[in-house]
Amino acid sequence: MMATGKVERSQNNITQTRLQEIFSPFGALGEVTVISDKFSGRSKGFGFVEFEDAEAAKSAIEKMNGADLDGRNIIVNEARPKEDRPATGGRSFGGR
C-alpha cells in the first residue's frame, strides 16, 4: 500500500533529485514532487514523497521530521488529501 509524506520548510532551491536522494534509503519511492511557483519556477519550500510501502513512509516520517536539511529543520508528516472546496458562484469580487 502506497503512502505519501509531505516535506515542508526545505530550502527554496530543493530539487526532486535531492528529495529522492534523501528519502530513497527508507524504501522504494513512487512519485516525488517539489511544488514550484507557477511564475518564477522557484520551489515554494515544500514537496511530496510517495513511498511504495506504508512502513517505509512511517519510518521516514519518524526519522526525518525535525532533521536538518541543508541548514533548515524540515517538517515531515503524512500527506493529507485536499478537502473539497465549495464552488464560488462566479465572480467573487463584486460588480454588476
PDB file of N, CA and C in Angstrom:
ATOM      1  N   MET A   1       0.841  -1.180   0.000  1.00  0.00           N
ATOM      2  CA  MET A   1       0.000   0.000   0.000  1.00  0.00           C
ATOM      3  C   MET A   1       0.886   1.243   0.000  1.00  0.00           C
ATOM      4  N   MET A   2       0.641   2.154  -0.915  1.00  0.00           N
ATOM      5  CA  MET A   2       1.447   3.363  -1.024  1.00  0.00           C
ATOM      6  C   MET A   2       1.040   4.375   0.042  1.00  0.00           C
ATOM      7  N   ALA A   3       1.996   5.191   0.433  1.00  0.00           N
ATOM      8  CA  ALA A   3       1.758   6.263   1.386  1.00  0.00           C
ATOM      9  C   ALA A   3       2.615   7.448   0.970  1.00  0.00           C
ATOM     10  N   THR A   4       2.137   8.651   1.258  1.00  0.00           N
ATOM     11  CA  THR A   4       2.834   9.857   0.834  1.00  0.00           C
ATOM     12  C   THR A   4       3.184  10.712   2.040  1.00  0.00           C
ATOM     13  N   GLY A   5       4.412  11.201   2.050  1.00  0.00           N
ATOM     14  CA  GLY A   5       4.855  12.126   3.083  1.00  0.00           C
ATOM     15  C   GLY A   5       4.959  13.521   2.507  1.00  0.00           C
ATOM     16  N   LYS A   6       4.636  14.504   3.325  1.00  0.00           N
ATOM     17  CA  LYS A   6       4.769  15.903   2.931  1.00  0.00           C
ATOM     18  C   LYS A   6       6.010  16.458   3.613  1.00  0.00           C
ATOM     19  N   VAL A   7       6.871  17.105   2.842  1.00  0.00           N
ATOM     20  CA  VAL A   7       8.115  17.676   3.346  1.00  0.00           C
ATOM     21  C   VAL A   7       7.981  19.188   3.275  1.00  0.00           C
ATOM     22  N   GLU A   8       8.082  19.850   4.437  1.00  0.00           N
ATOM     23  CA  GLU A   8       7.924  21.302   4.495  1.00  0.00           C
ATOM     24  C   GLU A   8       9.181  21.965   5.037  1.00  0.00           C
ATOM     25  N   ARG A   9       9.307  23.264   4.771  1.00  0.00           N
ATOM     26  CA  ARG A   9      10.393  24.107   5.261  1.00  0.00           C
ATOM     27  C   ARG A   9      11.736  23.791   4.632  1.00  0.00           C
ATOM     28  N   SER A  10      11.742  23.218   3.453  1.00  0.00           N
ATOM     29  CA  SER A  10      13.017  22.971   2.778  1.00  0.00           C
ATOM     30  C   SER A  10      13.492  24.271   2.132  1.00  0.00           C
ATOM     31  N   GLN A  11      14.730  24.282   1.700  1.00  0.00           N
ATOM     32  CA  GLN A  11      15.265  25.457   1.013  1.00  0.00           C
ATOM     33  C   GLN A  11      14.502  25.692  -0.290  1.00  0.00           C
ATOM     34  N   ASN A  12      14.487  26.926  -0.749  1.00  0.00           N
ATOM     35  CA  ASN A  12      13.780  27.253  -1.989  1.00  0.00           C
ATOM     36  C   ASN A  12      14.453  26.689  -3.230  1.00  0.00           C
ATOM     37  N   ASN A  13      15.649  26.136  -3.083  1.00  0.00           N
ATOM     38  CA  ASN A  13      16.324  25.554  -4.246  1.00  0.00           C
ATOM     39  C   ASN A  13      16.307  24.024  -4.211  1.00  0.00           C
ATOM     40  N   ILE A  14      15.458  23.431  -3.382  1.00  0.00           N
ATOM     41  CA  ILE A  14      15.365  21.965  -3.295  1.00  0.00           C
ATOM     42  C   ILE A  14      14.881  21.407  -4.636  1.00  0.00           C
ATOM     43  N   THR A  15      15.400  20.256  -5.010  1.00  0.00           N
ATOM     44  CA  THR A  15      15.004  19.626  -6.274  1.00  0.00           C
ATOM     45  C   THR A  15      14.400  18.254  -6.006  1.00  0.00           C
ATOM     46  N   GLN A  16      13.728  17.729  -7.016  1.00  0.00           N
ATOM     47  CA  GLN A  16      13.181  16.380  -6.903  1.00  0.00           C
ATOM     48  C   GLN A  16      14.306  15.370  -6.694  1.00  0.00           C
ATOM     49  N   THR A  17      15.403  15.555  -7.388  1.00  0.00           N
ATOM     50  CA  THR A  17      16.549  14.655  -7.257  1.00  0.00           C
ATOM     51  C   THR A  17      17.076  14.651  -5.828  1.00  0.00           C
ATOM     52  N   ARG A  18      17.166  15.826  -5.225  1.00  0.00           N
ATOM     53  CA  ARG A  18      17.659  15.920  -3.837  1.00  0.00           C
ATOM     54  C   ARG A  18      16.708  15.200  -2.881  1.00  0.00           C
ATOM     55  N   LEU A  19      15.398  15.379  -3.043  1.00  0.00           N
ATOM     56  CA  LEU A  19      14.441  14.671  -2.187  1.00  0.00           C
ATOM     57  C   LEU A  19      14.551  13.160  -2.380  1.00  0.00           C
ATOM     58  N   GLN A  20      14.748  12.723  -3.624  1.00  0.00           N
ATOM     59  CA  GLN A  20      14.919  11.289  -3.885  1.00  0.00           C
ATOM     60  C   GLN A  20      16.151  10.754  -3.162  1.00  0.00           C
ATOM     61  N   GLU A  21      17.259  11.494  -3.217  1.00  0.00           N
ATOM     62  CA  GLU A  21      18.490  11.075  -2.543  1.00  0.00           C
ATOM     63  C   GLU A  21      18.275  10.936  -1.039  1.00  0.00           C
ATOM     64  N   ILE A  22      17.538  11.855  -0.458  1.00  0.00           N
ATOM     65  CA  ILE A  22      17.335  11.882   0.988  1.00  0.00           C
ATOM     66  C   ILE A  22      16.401  10.768   1.449  1.00  0.00           C
ATOM     67  N   PHE A  23      15.336  10.511   0.688  1.00  0.00           N
ATOM     68  CA  PHE A  23      14.306   9.587   1.155  1.00  0.00           C
ATOM     69  C   PHE A  23      14.411   8.170   0.590  1.00  0.00           C
ATOM     70  N   SER A  24      15.194   7.946  -0.452  1.00  0.00           N
ATOM     71  CA  SER A  24      15.296   6.595  -1.019  1.00  0.00           C
ATOM     72  C   SER A  24      15.899   5.562  -0.062  1.00  0.00           C
ATOM     73  N   PRO A  25      16.773   5.931   0.891  1.00  0.00           N
ATOM     74  CA  PRO A  25      17.262   4.912   1.827  1.00  0.00           C
ATOM     75  C   PRO A  25      16.160   4.274   2.685  1.00  0.00           C
ATOM     76  N   PHE A  26      15.006   4.912   2.785  1.00  0.00           N
ATOM     77  CA  PHE A  26      13.915   4.368   3.597  1.00  0.00           C
ATOM     78  C   PHE A  26      13.097   3.314   2.859  1.00  0.00           C
ATOM     79  N   GLY A  27      13.204   3.282   1.537  1.00  0.00           N
ATOM     80  CA  GLY A  27      12.460   2.299   0.759  1.00  0.00           C
ATOM     81  C   GLY A  27      12.189   2.794  -0.645  1.00  0.00           C
ATOM     82  N   ALA A  28      11.533   1.939  -1.433  1.00  0.00           N
ATOM     83  CA  ALA A  28      11.232   2.272  -2.830  1.00  0.00           C
ATOM     84  C   ALA A  28      10.285   3.466  -2.896  1.00  0.00           C
ATOM     85  N   LEU A  29      10.608   4.381  -3.800  1.00  0.00           N
ATOM     86  CA  LEU A  29       9.809   5.589  -3.955  1.00  0.00           C
ATOM     87  C   LEU A  29       8.945   5.514  -5.200  1.00  0.00           C
ATOM     88  N   GLY A  30       7.801   6.154  -5.118  1.00  0.00           N
ATOM     89  CA  GLY A  30       6.953   6.372  -6.283  1.00  0.00           C
ATOM     90  C   GLY A  30       7.265   7.770  -6.792  1.00  0.00           C
ATOM     91  N   GLU A  31       6.253   8.586  -6.886  1.00  0.00           N
ATOM     92  CA  GLU A  31       6.405   9.948  -7.395  1.00  0.00           C
ATOM     93  C   GLU A  31       6.990  10.866  -6.327  1.00  0.00           C
ATOM     94  N   VAL A  32       7.919  11.723  -6.741  1.00  0.00           N
ATOM     95  CA  VAL A  32       8.494  12.749  -5.874  1.00  0.00           C
ATOM     96  C   VAL A  32       8.222  14.086  -6.551  1.00  0.00           C
ATOM     97  N   THR A  33       7.610  15.005  -5.813  1.00  0.00           N
ATOM     98  CA  THR A  33       7.188  16.276  -6.396  1.00  0.00           C
ATOM     99  C   THR A  33       7.644  17.435  -5.526  1.00  0.00           C
ATOM    100  N   VAL A  34       8.229  18.448  -6.138  1.00  0.00           N
ATOM    101  CA  VAL A  34       8.539  19.700  -5.461  1.00  0.00           C
ATOM    102  C   VAL A  34       7.546  20.725  -5.994  1.00  0.00           C
ATOM    103  N   ILE A  35       6.869  21.415  -5.098  1.00  0.00           N
ATOM    104  CA  ILE A  35       5.873  22.402  -5.507  1.00  0.00           C
ATOM    105  C   ILE A  35       6.592  23.707  -5.832  1.00  0.00           C
ATOM    106  N   SER A  36       6.334  24.221  -7.036  1.00  0.00           N
ATOM    107  CA  SER A  36       7.012  25.420  -7.516  1.00  0.00           C
ATOM    108  C   SER A  36       6.026  26.537  -7.796  1.00  0.00           C
ATOM    109  N   ASP A  37       6.530  27.760  -7.685  1.00  0.00           N
ATOM    110  CA  ASP A  37       5.747  28.931  -8.047  1.00  0.00           C
ATOM    111  C   ASP A  37       5.519  28.904  -9.551  1.00  0.00           C
ATOM    112  N   LYS A  38       4.284  29.097  -9.972  1.00  0.00           N
ATOM    113  CA  LYS A  38       3.987  28.975 -11.401  1.00  0.00           C
ATOM    114  C   LYS A  38       4.587  30.096 -12.241  1.00  0.00           C
ATOM    115  N   PHE A  39       4.937  31.223 -11.631  1.00  0.00           N
ATOM    116  CA  PHE A  39       5.503  32.326 -12.397  1.00  0.00           C
ATOM    117  C   PHE A  39       7.032  32.303 -12.400  1.00  0.00           C
ATOM    118  N   SER A  40       7.633  32.125 -11.231  1.00  0.00           N
ATOM    119  CA  SER A  40       9.096  32.173 -11.144  1.00  0.00           C
ATOM    120  C   SER A  40       9.741  30.812 -11.367  1.00  0.00           C
ATOM    121  N   GLY A  41       8.978  29.732 -11.129  1.00  0.00           N
ATOM    122  CA  GLY A  41       9.535  28.395 -11.244  1.00  0.00           C
ATOM    123  C   GLY A  41      10.330  27.964 -10.029  1.00  0.00           C
ATOM    124  N   ARG A  42      10.486  28.843  -9.043  1.00  0.00           N
ATOM    125  CA  ARG A  42      11.239  28.516  -7.824  1.00  0.00           C
ATOM    126  C   ARG A  42      10.401  27.652  -6.896  1.00  0.00           C
ATOM    127  N   SER A  43      11.084  26.804  -6.152  1.00  0.00           N
ATOM    128  CA  SER A  43      10.413  25.954  -5.175  1.00  0.00           C
ATOM    129  C   SER A  43       9.715  26.815  -4.134  1.00  0.00           C
ATOM    130  N   LYS A  44       8.553  26.359  -3.692  1.00  0.00           N
ATOM    131  CA  LYS A  44       7.839  27.044  -2.617  1.00  0.00           C
ATOM    132  C   LYS A  44       8.286  26.534  -1.250  1.00  0.00           C
ATOM    133  N   GLY A  45       9.269  25.636  -1.235  1.00  0.00           N
ATOM    134  CA  GLY A  45       9.816  25.153   0.027  1.00  0.00           C
ATOM    135  C   GLY A  45       9.120  23.932   0.585  1.00  0.00           C
ATOM    136  N   PHE A  46       8.307  23.276  -0.247  1.00  0.00           N
ATOM    137  CA  PHE A  46       7.708  22.019   0.204  1.00  0.00           C
ATOM    138  C   PHE A  46       7.448  21.109  -0.976  1.00  0.00           C
ATOM    139  N   GLY A  47       7.253  19.838  -0.651  1.00  0.00           N
ATOM    140  CA  GLY A  47       7.005  18.855  -1.694  1.00  0.00           C
ATOM    141  C   GLY A  47       6.437  17.582  -1.102  1.00  0.00           C
ATOM    142  N   PHE A  48       6.285  16.581  -1.951  1.00  0.00           N
ATOM    143  CA  PHE A  48       5.676  15.319  -1.553  1.00  0.00           C
ATOM    144  C   PHE A  48       6.546  14.161  -2.022  1.00  0.00           C
ATOM    145  N   VAL A  49       6.662  13.153  -1.165  1.00  0.00           N
ATOM    146  CA  VAL A  49       7.428  11.951  -1.477  1.00  0.00           C
ATOM    147  C   VAL A  49       6.493  10.766  -1.296  1.00  0.00           C
ATOM    148  N   GLU A  50       6.260  10.035  -2.374  1.00  0.00           N
ATOM    149  CA  GLU A  50       5.376   8.863  -2.327  1.00  0.00           C
ATOM    150  C   GLU A  50       6.226   7.612  -2.136  1.00  0.00           C
ATOM    151  N   PHE A  51       5.869   6.829  -1.135  1.00  0.00           N
ATOM    152  CA  PHE A  51       6.561   5.573  -0.840  1.00  0.00           C
ATOM    153  C   PHE A  51       5.698   4.411  -1.290  1.00  0.00           C
ATOM    154  N   GLU A  52       6.327   3.375  -1.819  1.00  0.00           N
ATOM    155  CA  GLU A  52       5.579   2.199  -2.256  1.00  0.00           C
ATOM    156  C   GLU A  52       5.120   1.343  -1.083  1.00  0.00           C
ATOM    157  N   ASP A  53       5.692   1.591   0.091  1.00  0.00           N
ATOM    158  CA  ASP A  53       5.345   0.816   1.280  1.00  0.00           C
ATOM    159  C   ASP A  53       5.009   1.771   2.427  1.00  0.00           C
ATOM    160  N   ALA A  54       3.878   1.562   3.087  1.00  0.00           N
ATOM    161  CA  ALA A  54       3.438   2.437   4.171  1.00  0.00           C
ATOM    162  C   ALA A  54       4.410   2.428   5.346  1.00  0.00           C
ATOM    163  N   GLU A  55       5.036   1.286   5.620  1.00  0.00           N
ATOM    164  CA  GLU A  55       6.003   1.210   6.723  1.00  0.00           C
ATOM    165  C   GLU A  55       7.243   2.051   6.426  1.00  0.00           C
ATOM    166  N   ALA A  56       7.658   2.081   5.168  1.00  0.00           N
ATOM    167  CA  ALA A  56       8.801   2.915   4.781  1.00  0.00           C
ATOM    168  C   ALA A  56       8.464   4.386   4.988  1.00  0.00           C
ATOM    169  N   ALA A  57       7.252   4.770   4.630  1.00  0.00           N
ATOM    170  CA  ALA A  57       6.814   6.156   4.827  1.00  0.00           C
ATOM    171  C   ALA A  57       6.808   6.502   6.310  1.00  0.00           C
ATOM    172  N   LYS A  58       6.279   5.604   7.119  1.00  0.00           N
ATOM    173  CA  LYS A  58       6.217   5.830   8.567  1.00  0.00           C
ATOM    174  C   LYS A  58       7.622   6.001   9.147  1.00  0.00           C
ATOM    175  N   SER A  59       8.543   5.154   8.728  1.00  0.00           N
ATOM    176  CA  SER A  59       9.922   5.234   9.201  1.00  0.00           C
ATOM    177  C   SER A  59      10.571   6.555   8.786  1.00  0.00           C
ATOM    178  N   ALA A  60      10.366   6.959   7.543  1.00  0.00           N
ATOM    179  CA  ALA A  60      10.931   8.218   7.047  1.00  0.00           C
ATOM    180  C   ALA A  60      10.371   9.406   7.821  1.00  0.00           C
ATOM    181  N   ILE A  61       9.080   9.382   8.079  1.00  0.00           N
ATOM    182  CA  ILE A  61       8.454  10.476   8.826  1.00  0.00           C
ATOM    183  C   ILE A  61       9.040  10.552  10.231  1.00  0.00           C
ATOM    184  N   GLU A  62       9.152   9.409  10.899  1.00  0.00           N
ATOM    185  CA  GLU A  62       9.683   9.383  12.266  1.00  0.00           C
ATOM    186  C   GLU A  62      11.128   9.863  12.335  1.00  0.00           C
ATOM    187  N   LYS A  63      11.943   9.450  11.373  1.00  0.00           N
ATOM    188  CA  LYS A  63      13.371   9.770  11.426  1.00  0.00           C
ATOM    189  C   LYS A  63      13.710  11.145  10.846  1.00  0.00           C
ATOM    190  N   MET A  64      12.940  11.605   9.880  1.00  0.00           N
ATOM    191  CA  MET A  64      13.289  12.845   9.193  1.00  0.00           C
ATOM    192  C   MET A  64      12.558  14.081   9.712  1.00  0.00           C
ATOM    193  N   ASN A  65      11.464  13.916  10.425  1.00  0.00           N
ATOM    194  CA  ASN A  65      10.750  15.077  10.952  1.00  0.00           C
ATOM    195  C   ASN A  65      11.655  15.806  11.947  1.00  0.00           C
ATOM    196  N   GLY A  66      11.933  17.062  11.672  1.00  0.00           N
ATOM    197  CA  GLY A  66      12.812  17.864  12.517  1.00  0.00           C
ATOM    198  C   GLY A  66      14.282  17.767  12.149  1.00  0.00           C
ATOM    199  N   ALA A  67      14.618  16.925  11.170  1.00  0.00           N
ATOM    200  CA  ALA A  67      16.018  16.755  10.761  1.00  0.00           C
ATOM    201  C   ALA A  67      16.530  17.995  10.035  1.00  0.00           C
ATOM    202  N   ASP A  68      17.833  18.192  10.091  1.00  0.00           N
ATOM    203  CA  ASP A  68      18.469  19.295   9.385  1.00  0.00           C
ATOM    204  C   ASP A  68      18.651  18.911   7.921  1.00  0.00           C
ATOM    205  N   LEU A  69      18.139  19.727   7.039  1.00  0.00           N
ATOM    206  CA  LEU A  69      18.310  19.535   5.602  1.00  0.00           C
ATOM    207  C   LEU A  69      18.854  20.827   5.023  1.00  0.00           C
ATOM    208  N   ASP A  70      20.117  20.820   4.685  1.00  0.00           N
ATOM    209  CA  ASP A  70      20.770  21.984   4.095  1.00  0.00           C
ATOM    210  C   ASP A  70      20.595  23.238   4.953  1.00  0.00           C
ATOM    211  N   GLY A  71      20.730  23.073   6.276  1.00  0.00           N
ATOM    212  CA  GLY A  71      20.675  24.221   7.175  1.00  0.00           C
ATOM    213  C   GLY A  71      19.302  24.583   7.709  1.00  0.00           C
ATOM    214  N   ARG A  72      18.286  23.817   7.377  1.00  0.00           N
ATOM    215  CA  ARG A  72      16.936  24.096   7.886  1.00  0.00           C
ATOM    216  C   ARG A  72      16.356  22.828   8.486  1.00  0.00           C
ATOM    217  N   ASN A  73      15.661  22.981   9.598  1.00  0.00           N
ATOM    218  CA  ASN A  73      14.966  21.842  10.190  1.00  0.00           C
ATOM    219  C   ASN A  73      13.659  21.650   9.441  1.00  0.00           C
ATOM    220  N   ILE A  74      13.534  20.520   8.777  1.00  0.00           N
ATOM    221  CA  ILE A  74      12.353  20.264   7.955  1.00  0.00           C
ATOM    222  C   ILE A  74      11.238  19.635   8.787  1.00  0.00           C
ATOM    223  N   ILE A  75      10.049  19.768   8.284  1.00  0.00           N
ATOM    224  CA  ILE A  75       8.872  19.125   8.866  1.00  0.00           C
ATOM    225  C   ILE A  75       8.445  18.052   7.882  1.00  0.00           C
ATOM    226  N   VAL A  76       8.333  16.826   8.364  1.00  0.00           N
ATOM    227  CA  VAL A  76       7.890  15.719   7.517  1.00  0.00           C
ATOM    228  C   VAL A  76       6.711  15.067   8.217  1.00  0.00           C
ATOM    229  N   ASN A  77       5.591  15.011   7.532  1.00  0.00           N
ATOM    230  CA  ASN A  77       4.416  14.356   8.098  1.00  0.00           C
ATOM    231  C   ASN A  77       3.623  13.666   7.004  1.00  0.00           C
ATOM    232  N   GLU A  78       2.611  12.942   7.406  1.00  0.00           N
ATOM    233  CA  GLU A  78       1.777  12.231   6.440  1.00  0.00           C
ATOM    234  C   GLU A  78       0.979  13.241   5.626  1.00  0.00           C
ATOM    235  N   ALA A  79       1.022  13.090   4.319  1.00  0.00           N
ATOM    236  CA  ALA A  79       0.257  13.984   3.451  1.00  0.00           C
ATOM    237  C   ALA A  79      -1.225  13.658   3.577  1.00  0.00           C
ATOM    238  N   ARG A  80      -2.017  14.687   3.613  1.00  0.00           N
ATOM    239  CA  ARG A  80      -3.469  14.531   3.689  1.00  0.00           C
ATOM    240  C   ARG A  80      -4.075  14.998   2.369  1.00  0.00           C
ATOM    241  N   PRO A  81      -5.138  14.344   1.923  1.00  0.00           N
ATOM    242  CA  PRO A  81      -5.772  14.801   0.681  1.00  0.00           C
ATOM    243  C   PRO A  81      -6.402  16.167   0.868  1.00  0.00           C
ATOM    244  N   LYS A  82      -6.421  16.947  -0.207  1.00  0.00           N
ATOM    245  CA  LYS A  82      -7.085  18.245  -0.167  1.00  0.00           C
ATOM    246  C   LYS A  82      -8.552  18.053   0.151  1.00  0.00           C
ATOM    247  N   GLU A  83      -9.076  18.920   0.979  1.00  0.00           N
ATOM    248  CA  GLU A  83     -10.507  18.862   1.250  1.00  0.00           C
ATOM    249  C   GLU A  83     -11.231  19.519   0.089  1.00  0.00           C
ATOM    250  N   ASP A  84     -12.424  19.024  -0.176  1.00  0.00           N
ATOM    251  CA  ASP A  84     -13.209  19.627  -1.244  1.00  0.00           C
ATOM    252  C   ASP A  84     -13.521  21.070  -0.882  1.00  0.00           C
ATOM    253  N   ARG A  85     -13.330  21.930  -1.845  1.00  0.00           N
ATOM    254  CA  ARG A  85     -13.623  23.345  -1.629  1.00  0.00           C
ATOM    255  C   ARG A  85     -14.970  23.659  -2.256  1.00  0.00           C
ATOM    256  N   PRO A  86     -15.768  24.468  -1.581  1.00  0.00           N
ATOM    257  CA  PRO A  86     -17.054  24.829  -2.178  1.00  0.00           C
ATOM    258  C   PRO A  86     -16.834  25.687  -3.419  1.00  0.00           C
ATOM    259  N   ALA A  87     -17.666  25.480  -4.383  1.00  0.00           N
ATOM    260  CA  ALA A  87     -17.571  26.261  -5.617  1.00  0.00           C
ATOM    261  C   ALA A  87     -17.986  27.694  -5.333  1.00  0.00           C
ATOM    262  N   THR A  88     -17.250  28.627  -5.938  1.00  0.00           N
ATOM    263  CA  THR A  88     -17.659  30.026  -5.813  1.00  0.00           C
ATOM    264  C   THR A  88     -18.570  30.307  -6.981  1.00  0.00           C
ATOM    265  N   GLY A  89     -19.657  30.894  -6.753  1.00  0.00           N
ATOM    266  CA  GLY A  89     -20.642  31.101  -7.814  1.00  0.00           C
ATOM    267  C   GLY A  89     -20.310  32.244  -8.729  1.00  0.00           C
ATOM    268  N   GLY A  90     -19.276  32.132  -9.504  1.00  0.00           N
ATOM    269  CA  GLY A  90     -18.938  33.187 -10.456  1.00  0.00           C
ATOM    270  C   GLY A  90     -17.948  34.158  -9.856  1.00  0.00           C
ATOM    271  N   ARG A  91     -18.131  35.428 -10.180  1.00  0.00           N
ATOM    272  CA  ARG A  91     -17.208  36.448  -9.698  1.00  0.00           C
ATOM    273  C   ARG A  91     -17.344  36.623  -8.190  1.00  0.00           C
ATOM    274  N   SER A  92     -16.220  36.715  -7.531  1.00  0.00           N
ATOM    275  CA  SER A  92     -16.260  36.912  -6.086  1.00  0.00           C
ATOM    276  C   SER A  92     -15.772  38.299  -5.703  1.00  0.00           C
ATOM    277  N   PHE A  93     -15.553  39.168  -6.702  1.00  0.00           N
ATOM    278  CA  PHE A  93     -15.024  40.493  -6.415  1.00  0.00           C
ATOM    279  C   PHE A  93     -16.083  41.579  -6.522  1.00  0.00           C
ATOM    280  N   GLY A  94     -17.326  41.189  -6.566  1.00  0.00           N
ATOM    281  CA  GLY A  94     -18.396  42.190  -6.655  1.00  0.00           C
ATOM    282  C   GLY A  94     -18.620  42.627  -8.085  1.00  0.00           C
ATOM    283  N   GLY A  95     -19.287  43.706  -8.255  1.00  0.00           N
ATOM    284  CA  GLY A  95     -19.518  44.212  -9.603  1.00  0.00           C
ATOM    285  C   GLY A  95     -20.959  44.045 -10.021  1.00  0.00           C
ATOM    286  N   ARG A  96     -21.193  44.157 -11.311  1.00  0.00           N
ATOM    287  CA  ARG A  96     -22.572  44.153 -11.799  1.00  0.00           C
ATOM    288  C   ARG A  96     -23.054  42.787 -12.143  1.00  0.00           C
TER     289      ARG A  96
END
